[in-house]
N, C-alpha and C. Protein backbone atom coordinates (compact mmCIF):
# COMPACT_ATOMS: atom_id res chain seq x y z
N MET A 1 0.85 -1.18 0.00
CA MET A 1 0.00 0.00 0.00
C MET A 1 0.89 1.24 0.00
N ASN A 2 0.56 2.16 -0.81
CA ASN A 2 1.27 3.43 -0.85
C ASN A 2 0.73 4.29 0.29
N TYR A 3 1.60 4.75 1.18
CA TYR A 3 1.15 5.45 2.38
C TYR A 3 0.53 6.80 2.06
N GLY A 4 0.80 7.37 0.92
CA GLY A 4 0.29 8.69 0.59
C GLY A 4 -1.08 8.65 -0.05
N GLN A 5 -1.61 7.45 -0.36
CA GLN A 5 -2.89 7.34 -1.03
C GLN A 5 -3.96 6.89 -0.05
N GLY A 6 -5.16 7.27 -0.31
CA GLY A 6 -6.28 6.86 0.52
C GLY A 6 -6.42 7.76 1.73
N ILE A 7 -7.56 7.65 2.36
CA ILE A 7 -7.85 8.49 3.52
C ILE A 7 -6.91 8.16 4.67
N LYS A 8 -6.70 6.86 4.90
CA LYS A 8 -5.83 6.46 6.01
C LYS A 8 -4.40 6.96 5.79
N GLY A 9 -3.92 6.84 4.58
CA GLY A 9 -2.56 7.29 4.28
C GLY A 9 -2.41 8.79 4.44
N ARG A 10 -3.40 9.54 3.97
CA ARG A 10 -3.35 10.99 4.13
C ARG A 10 -3.44 11.39 5.59
N LEU A 11 -4.24 10.66 6.36
CA LEU A 11 -4.37 10.95 7.79
C LEU A 11 -3.05 10.69 8.52
N VAL A 12 -2.40 9.58 8.18
CA VAL A 12 -1.12 9.25 8.82
C VAL A 12 -0.06 10.28 8.48
N ILE A 13 0.10 10.59 7.20
CA ILE A 13 1.10 11.58 6.77
C ILE A 13 0.75 12.95 7.33
N GLY A 14 -0.51 13.32 7.29
CA GLY A 14 -0.93 14.63 7.81
C GLY A 14 -0.69 14.75 9.30
N SER A 15 -1.00 13.70 10.04
CA SER A 15 -0.79 13.73 11.48
C SER A 15 0.69 13.80 11.84
N ALA A 16 1.51 13.07 11.10
CA ALA A 16 2.96 13.12 11.35
C ALA A 16 3.52 14.50 10.98
N THR A 17 3.00 15.09 9.92
CA THR A 17 3.43 16.43 9.53
C THR A 17 3.02 17.46 10.58
N VAL A 18 1.79 17.35 11.07
CA VAL A 18 1.32 18.25 12.13
C VAL A 18 2.19 18.07 13.37
N SER A 19 2.54 16.84 13.68
CA SER A 19 3.40 16.58 14.83
C SER A 19 4.75 17.28 14.68
N HIS A 20 5.32 17.19 13.49
CA HIS A 20 6.62 17.83 13.24
C HIS A 20 6.52 19.35 13.33
N VAL A 21 5.47 19.90 12.76
CA VAL A 21 5.27 21.36 12.82
C VAL A 21 5.06 21.81 14.27
N LEU A 22 4.29 21.05 15.05
CA LEU A 22 4.07 21.40 16.45
C LEU A 22 5.35 21.30 17.27
N ALA A 23 6.19 20.30 16.95
CA ALA A 23 7.47 20.19 17.66
C ALA A 23 8.36 21.39 17.37
N TRP A 24 8.40 21.81 16.10
CA TRP A 24 9.17 23.01 15.75
C TRP A 24 8.59 24.24 16.42
N ALA A 25 7.27 24.35 16.46
CA ALA A 25 6.63 25.51 17.09
C ALA A 25 6.97 25.58 18.58
N ALA A 26 6.92 24.43 19.26
CA ALA A 26 7.27 24.40 20.68
C ALA A 26 8.73 24.78 20.89
N PHE A 27 9.61 24.24 20.05
CA PHE A 27 11.04 24.55 20.16
C PHE A 27 11.28 26.04 19.97
N LEU A 28 10.70 26.61 18.93
CA LEU A 28 10.92 28.03 18.66
C LEU A 28 10.29 28.92 19.74
N TRP A 29 9.17 28.50 20.28
CA TRP A 29 8.54 29.27 21.36
C TRP A 29 9.46 29.29 22.58
N ILE A 30 9.98 28.14 22.94
CA ILE A 30 10.87 28.06 24.10
C ILE A 30 12.11 28.91 23.89
N VAL A 31 12.70 28.81 22.73
CA VAL A 31 13.97 29.49 22.46
C VAL A 31 13.79 31.00 22.31
N LEU A 32 12.74 31.42 21.65
CA LEU A 32 12.61 32.84 21.30
C LEU A 32 11.72 33.66 22.24
N TRP A 33 10.96 33.03 23.10
CA TRP A 33 10.06 33.77 23.98
C TRP A 33 10.87 34.59 24.97
N PRO A 34 10.73 35.91 24.97
CA PRO A 34 11.59 36.74 25.81
C PRO A 34 11.25 36.71 27.30
N HIS A 35 10.13 36.11 27.67
CA HIS A 35 9.73 36.07 29.07
C HIS A 35 9.74 34.65 29.63
N ALA A 36 10.65 33.82 29.16
CA ALA A 36 10.70 32.44 29.62
C ALA A 36 11.01 32.38 31.11
N TYR A 37 11.86 33.25 31.56
CA TYR A 37 12.21 33.32 32.99
C TYR A 37 11.88 34.72 33.48
N GLN A 38 11.21 34.78 34.62
CA GLN A 38 10.86 36.07 35.21
C GLN A 38 11.23 36.08 36.68
N GLY A 39 11.56 37.24 37.15
CA GLY A 39 11.93 37.36 38.56
C GLY A 39 11.80 38.80 39.02
N VAL A 40 11.93 38.95 40.33
CA VAL A 40 11.84 40.27 40.94
C VAL A 40 13.05 40.41 41.85
N SER A 41 13.72 41.55 41.75
CA SER A 41 14.82 41.83 42.68
C SER A 41 14.42 43.00 43.55
N ALA A 42 14.75 42.91 44.81
CA ALA A 42 14.43 43.98 45.76
C ALA A 42 15.73 44.56 46.29
N THR A 43 15.81 45.88 46.27
CA THR A 43 17.00 46.58 46.73
C THR A 43 16.59 47.57 47.81
N PRO A 44 17.19 47.44 49.02
CA PRO A 44 16.87 48.42 50.06
C PRO A 44 17.50 49.78 49.72
N VAL A 45 16.76 50.82 49.99
CA VAL A 45 17.22 52.17 49.67
C VAL A 45 17.48 52.92 50.98
N SER A 46 18.70 53.44 51.12
CA SER A 46 19.02 54.27 52.29
C SER A 46 19.36 55.67 51.80
N VAL A 47 18.94 56.65 52.57
CA VAL A 47 19.16 58.04 52.20
C VAL A 47 20.04 58.70 53.25
N ASP A 48 21.15 59.23 52.83
CA ASP A 48 22.08 59.96 53.71
C ASP A 48 22.46 59.17 54.95
N GLY A 49 22.73 57.92 54.81
CA GLY A 49 23.19 57.09 55.92
C GLY A 49 22.09 56.62 56.84
N ILE A 50 20.87 57.03 56.62
CA ILE A 50 19.75 56.57 57.45
C ILE A 50 19.41 55.16 57.01
N PRO A 51 19.17 54.25 57.94
CA PRO A 51 18.85 52.87 57.56
C PRO A 51 17.68 52.81 56.58
N ALA A 52 17.71 51.79 55.78
CA ALA A 52 16.72 51.64 54.71
C ALA A 52 15.33 51.45 55.29
N THR A 53 14.44 52.25 54.81
CA THR A 53 13.03 52.11 55.18
C THR A 53 12.19 51.80 53.96
N GLU A 54 12.79 51.91 52.82
CA GLU A 54 12.07 51.70 51.58
C GLU A 54 12.79 50.63 50.76
N VAL A 55 12.02 49.87 50.01
CA VAL A 55 12.58 48.84 49.15
C VAL A 55 12.11 49.11 47.72
N VAL A 56 13.06 49.10 46.80
CA VAL A 56 12.74 49.30 45.40
C VAL A 56 12.74 47.93 44.71
N GLU A 57 11.63 47.62 44.09
CA GLU A 57 11.53 46.34 43.38
C GLU A 57 11.71 46.56 41.89
N ALA A 58 12.41 45.64 41.27
CA ALA A 58 12.60 45.69 39.81
C ALA A 58 12.26 44.32 39.24
N ARG A 59 11.48 44.31 38.21
CA ARG A 59 11.09 43.06 37.54
C ARG A 59 12.06 42.78 36.39
N HIS A 60 12.43 41.53 36.27
CA HIS A 60 13.35 41.11 35.22
C HIS A 60 12.74 39.97 34.44
N SER A 61 13.06 39.89 33.17
CA SER A 61 12.68 38.74 32.36
C SER A 61 13.82 38.44 31.39
N ALA A 62 13.93 37.17 31.04
CA ALA A 62 15.01 36.75 30.14
C ALA A 62 14.52 35.58 29.31
N SER A 63 15.15 35.41 28.17
CA SER A 63 14.81 34.28 27.30
C SER A 63 15.57 33.04 27.77
N PHE A 64 15.19 31.91 27.22
CA PHE A 64 15.84 30.65 27.56
C PHE A 64 17.33 30.69 27.25
N ILE A 65 17.69 31.26 26.12
CA ILE A 65 19.09 31.32 25.71
C ILE A 65 19.88 32.26 26.62
N GLU A 66 19.29 33.37 27.02
CA GLU A 66 19.98 34.30 27.91
C GLU A 66 20.31 33.66 29.26
N VAL A 67 19.45 32.81 29.73
CA VAL A 67 19.65 32.19 31.04
C VAL A 67 20.54 30.95 30.93
N ASN A 68 20.31 30.10 29.94
CA ASN A 68 20.97 28.80 29.87
C ASN A 68 22.06 28.70 28.82
N GLY A 69 22.13 29.60 27.89
CA GLY A 69 23.11 29.50 26.82
C GLY A 69 22.59 28.59 25.71
N TYR A 70 23.49 28.24 24.81
CA TYR A 70 23.09 27.45 23.63
C TYR A 70 23.19 25.94 23.83
N ARG A 71 23.92 25.49 24.80
CA ARG A 71 24.14 24.05 24.98
C ARG A 71 22.85 23.25 25.20
N PRO A 72 21.90 23.71 26.01
CA PRO A 72 20.68 22.92 26.22
C PRO A 72 19.77 22.83 25.00
N LEU A 73 20.04 23.60 23.97
CA LEU A 73 19.20 23.54 22.78
C LEU A 73 19.25 22.16 22.13
N VAL A 74 20.36 21.47 22.29
CA VAL A 74 20.48 20.11 21.73
C VAL A 74 19.41 19.20 22.33
N LEU A 75 19.18 19.31 23.63
CA LEU A 75 18.16 18.49 24.27
C LEU A 75 16.75 18.88 23.80
N LEU A 76 16.55 20.16 23.59
CA LEU A 76 15.23 20.60 23.15
C LEU A 76 14.94 20.22 21.70
N LEU A 77 15.98 19.84 20.96
CA LEU A 77 15.79 19.41 19.58
C LEU A 77 15.45 17.92 19.46
N ILE A 78 15.49 17.19 20.56
CA ILE A 78 15.16 15.75 20.53
C ILE A 78 13.75 15.51 19.99
N PRO A 79 12.72 16.22 20.45
CA PRO A 79 11.39 15.99 19.88
C PRO A 79 11.31 16.36 18.40
N VAL A 80 12.01 17.40 18.00
CA VAL A 80 12.01 17.78 16.58
C VAL A 80 12.64 16.67 15.76
N LEU A 81 13.73 16.11 16.26
CA LEU A 81 14.40 15.02 15.56
C LEU A 81 13.51 13.77 15.52
N ALA A 82 12.84 13.47 16.61
CA ALA A 82 11.96 12.29 16.65
C ALA A 82 10.82 12.41 15.64
N THR A 83 10.22 13.59 15.56
CA THR A 83 9.12 13.76 14.61
C THR A 83 9.64 13.79 13.17
N ALA A 84 10.84 14.31 12.96
CA ALA A 84 11.44 14.30 11.62
C ALA A 84 11.72 12.88 11.17
N LEU A 85 12.25 12.06 12.08
CA LEU A 85 12.51 10.65 11.73
C LEU A 85 11.21 9.92 11.43
N ALA A 86 10.17 10.19 12.20
CA ALA A 86 8.87 9.55 11.94
C ALA A 86 8.35 9.93 10.57
N LEU A 87 8.48 11.18 10.22
CA LEU A 87 8.02 11.65 8.92
C LEU A 87 8.85 11.03 7.80
N ILE A 88 10.15 10.90 8.02
CA ILE A 88 11.02 10.26 7.02
C ILE A 88 10.63 8.80 6.84
N PHE A 89 10.37 8.09 7.94
CA PHE A 89 9.97 6.69 7.84
C PHE A 89 8.65 6.54 7.09
N LEU A 90 7.76 7.50 7.27
CA LEU A 90 6.47 7.41 6.58
C LEU A 90 6.57 7.81 5.11
N LEU A 91 7.43 8.73 4.80
CA LEU A 91 7.51 9.21 3.42
C LEU A 91 8.39 8.34 2.53
N THR A 92 9.26 7.54 3.13
CA THR A 92 10.04 6.63 2.30
C THR A 92 9.14 5.51 1.83
N ARG A 93 9.34 5.08 0.65
CA ARG A 93 8.42 4.10 0.03
C ARG A 93 8.91 2.67 0.24
N THR A 94 9.13 2.31 1.50
CA THR A 94 9.54 0.93 1.78
C THR A 94 8.31 0.05 1.87
N LYS A 95 8.51 -1.20 1.62
CA LYS A 95 7.41 -2.16 1.70
C LYS A 95 7.45 -2.91 3.02
N ARG A 96 8.38 -2.58 3.87
CA ARG A 96 8.51 -3.29 5.15
C ARG A 96 7.73 -2.55 6.24
N ARG A 97 6.44 -2.62 6.14
CA ARG A 97 5.59 -1.95 7.13
C ARG A 97 5.75 -2.57 8.50
N THR A 98 6.11 -3.85 8.55
CA THR A 98 6.29 -4.49 9.85
C THR A 98 7.48 -3.92 10.58
N VAL A 99 8.42 -3.31 9.85
CA VAL A 99 9.56 -2.64 10.47
C VAL A 99 9.19 -1.21 10.82
N ASN A 100 8.48 -0.53 9.93
CA ASN A 100 8.16 0.88 10.14
C ASN A 100 7.20 1.11 11.30
N ALA A 101 6.24 0.23 11.52
CA ALA A 101 5.27 0.43 12.59
C ALA A 101 5.92 0.47 13.97
N PRO A 102 6.77 -0.49 14.34
CA PRO A 102 7.41 -0.40 15.65
C PRO A 102 8.33 0.83 15.78
N VAL A 103 8.98 1.20 14.69
CA VAL A 103 9.83 2.39 14.74
C VAL A 103 8.98 3.62 14.99
N LEU A 104 7.85 3.71 14.34
CA LEU A 104 6.95 4.84 14.52
C LEU A 104 6.43 4.89 15.95
N TRP A 105 6.06 3.74 16.51
CA TRP A 105 5.60 3.70 17.90
C TRP A 105 6.73 4.06 18.86
N ALA A 106 7.95 3.62 18.56
CA ALA A 106 9.09 3.94 19.43
C ALA A 106 9.36 5.45 19.43
N LEU A 107 9.28 6.07 18.27
CA LEU A 107 9.49 7.52 18.19
C LEU A 107 8.38 8.27 18.92
N ALA A 108 7.15 7.78 18.82
CA ALA A 108 6.05 8.39 19.56
C ALA A 108 6.27 8.24 21.07
N ALA A 109 6.79 7.09 21.48
CA ALA A 109 7.08 6.88 22.91
C ALA A 109 8.19 7.80 23.39
N VAL A 110 9.22 7.99 22.57
CA VAL A 110 10.31 8.90 22.94
C VAL A 110 9.75 10.30 23.15
N LEU A 111 8.91 10.73 22.24
CA LEU A 111 8.33 12.06 22.35
C LEU A 111 7.43 12.19 23.57
N LEU A 112 6.66 11.14 23.85
CA LEU A 112 5.78 11.16 25.01
C LEU A 112 6.57 11.16 26.31
N VAL A 113 7.63 10.37 26.38
CA VAL A 113 8.49 10.35 27.57
C VAL A 113 9.17 11.70 27.76
N PHE A 114 9.67 12.29 26.69
CA PHE A 114 10.30 13.60 26.78
C PHE A 114 9.31 14.64 27.31
N SER A 115 8.10 14.60 26.78
CA SER A 115 7.07 15.52 27.21
C SER A 115 6.69 15.29 28.67
N GLY A 116 6.64 14.03 29.08
CA GLY A 116 6.29 13.70 30.46
C GLY A 116 7.38 14.08 31.45
N LEU A 117 8.63 13.85 31.08
CA LEU A 117 9.73 14.19 31.98
C LEU A 117 9.84 15.69 32.21
N GLY A 118 9.53 16.46 31.20
CA GLY A 118 9.60 17.91 31.35
C GLY A 118 8.24 18.54 31.56
N TYR A 119 7.29 17.78 32.11
CA TYR A 119 5.91 18.25 32.24
C TYR A 119 5.81 19.57 32.99
N TYR A 120 6.55 19.72 34.07
CA TYR A 120 6.44 20.93 34.87
C TYR A 120 7.33 22.05 34.36
N SER A 121 8.01 21.81 33.29
CA SER A 121 8.87 22.82 32.69
C SER A 121 8.36 23.07 31.27
N PHE A 122 9.23 22.90 30.31
CA PHE A 122 8.85 23.16 28.92
C PHE A 122 8.33 21.92 28.21
N GLY A 123 8.39 20.78 28.83
CA GLY A 123 7.96 19.54 28.20
C GLY A 123 6.50 19.53 27.81
N ILE A 124 5.68 20.23 28.57
CA ILE A 124 4.25 20.25 28.28
C ILE A 124 3.97 20.88 26.92
N LEU A 125 4.87 21.74 26.44
CA LEU A 125 4.68 22.35 25.13
C LEU A 125 4.82 21.34 23.99
N TYR A 126 5.51 20.23 24.27
CA TYR A 126 5.68 19.19 23.26
C TYR A 126 4.56 18.14 23.30
N ALA A 127 3.65 18.24 24.26
CA ALA A 127 2.57 17.26 24.38
C ALA A 127 1.65 17.22 23.15
N PRO A 128 1.27 18.34 22.54
CA PRO A 128 0.44 18.24 21.33
C PRO A 128 1.16 17.51 20.19
N ALA A 129 2.47 17.72 20.06
CA ALA A 129 3.23 17.01 19.03
C ALA A 129 3.25 15.52 19.32
N ALA A 130 3.38 15.16 20.59
CA ALA A 130 3.37 13.75 20.98
C ALA A 130 2.01 13.12 20.67
N LEU A 131 0.95 13.83 20.96
CA LEU A 131 -0.40 13.32 20.69
C LEU A 131 -0.61 13.12 19.19
N ALA A 132 -0.16 14.07 18.39
CA ALA A 132 -0.33 13.94 16.93
C ALA A 132 0.49 12.76 16.39
N LEU A 133 1.67 12.52 16.95
CA LEU A 133 2.48 11.39 16.50
C LEU A 133 1.87 10.06 16.94
N ILE A 134 1.24 10.04 18.10
CA ILE A 134 0.55 8.83 18.56
C ILE A 134 -0.63 8.53 17.64
N VAL A 135 -1.34 9.57 17.22
CA VAL A 135 -2.45 9.38 16.27
C VAL A 135 -1.92 8.81 14.96
N ALA A 136 -0.80 9.33 14.48
CA ALA A 136 -0.21 8.82 13.24
C ALA A 136 0.19 7.36 13.39
N ALA A 137 0.81 7.02 14.52
CA ALA A 137 1.23 5.62 14.75
C ALA A 137 0.02 4.70 14.86
N ALA A 138 -1.02 5.16 15.51
CA ALA A 138 -2.22 4.33 15.68
C ALA A 138 -2.89 4.06 14.34
N PHE A 139 -3.06 5.09 13.53
CA PHE A 139 -3.70 4.90 12.23
C PHE A 139 -2.80 4.14 11.26
N PHE A 140 -1.50 4.26 11.42
CA PHE A 140 -0.58 3.52 10.57
C PHE A 140 -0.70 2.02 10.85
N GLY A 141 -0.90 1.67 12.11
CA GLY A 141 -0.98 0.27 12.49
C GLY A 141 -2.34 -0.37 12.27
N LEU A 142 -3.38 0.43 12.05
CA LEU A 142 -4.72 -0.13 11.88
C LEU A 142 -4.83 -0.93 10.59
N GLY A 143 -5.39 -2.10 10.68
CA GLY A 143 -5.67 -2.91 9.51
C GLY A 143 -4.44 -3.35 8.75
N ARG A 144 -3.34 -3.43 9.44
CA ARG A 144 -2.08 -3.75 8.78
C ARG A 144 -2.05 -5.20 8.32
N GLY A 145 -2.46 -6.07 9.17
CA GLY A 145 -2.46 -7.49 8.80
C GLY A 145 -1.05 -8.02 8.66
N LEU A 146 -0.96 -9.25 8.19
CA LEU A 146 0.35 -9.87 8.00
C LEU A 146 0.91 -9.49 6.63
N PRO A 147 2.22 -9.33 6.55
CA PRO A 147 2.80 -8.99 5.24
C PRO A 147 2.66 -10.16 4.27
N ARG A 148 2.48 -9.85 3.01
CA ARG A 148 2.42 -10.89 1.98
C ARG A 148 3.84 -11.36 1.66
N LEU A 149 3.94 -12.51 1.05
CA LEU A 149 5.25 -13.05 0.73
C LEU A 149 6.02 -12.21 -0.26
N ASN A 150 5.35 -11.57 -1.17
CA ASN A 150 6.06 -10.78 -2.18
C ASN A 150 6.33 -9.34 -1.74
N ASP A 151 6.03 -8.98 -0.47
CA ASP A 151 6.30 -7.65 0.04
C ASP A 151 7.75 -7.46 0.44
N GLY A 152 8.51 -8.51 0.66
CA GLY A 152 9.87 -8.44 1.18
C GLY A 152 10.78 -7.80 0.24
């Protein structure tokens, strides 16, 4: 079966594409959002040697790169890479669907685990991409049946 034909094939490819786009969107949001980290600093103010009776508060915000540098970006690219590999596996015209299905499920699991581990941080932003990849893997595996002898 050609994965790009039929409703099921279009749904699988479309869902994997949406997953990849969502992973890129989450990555770019994390990296470029200028208010990723926010804080308040308080400075006591003294006038002419009199002890401080007033406190001046200043609000600060910084982007992910400003706080962490460029090194952690490699970790944030893991979901983008997982969805890209899933899309590559689906778009290549191999006849070994029995190999592609477990790979697709494994990539969906990697994305889901990544999203779960970072749930209280930025991982939750990758959850929609994980859900879309799970949908692609589920529809890819539906009605698969056993491979025919001439599929090898």
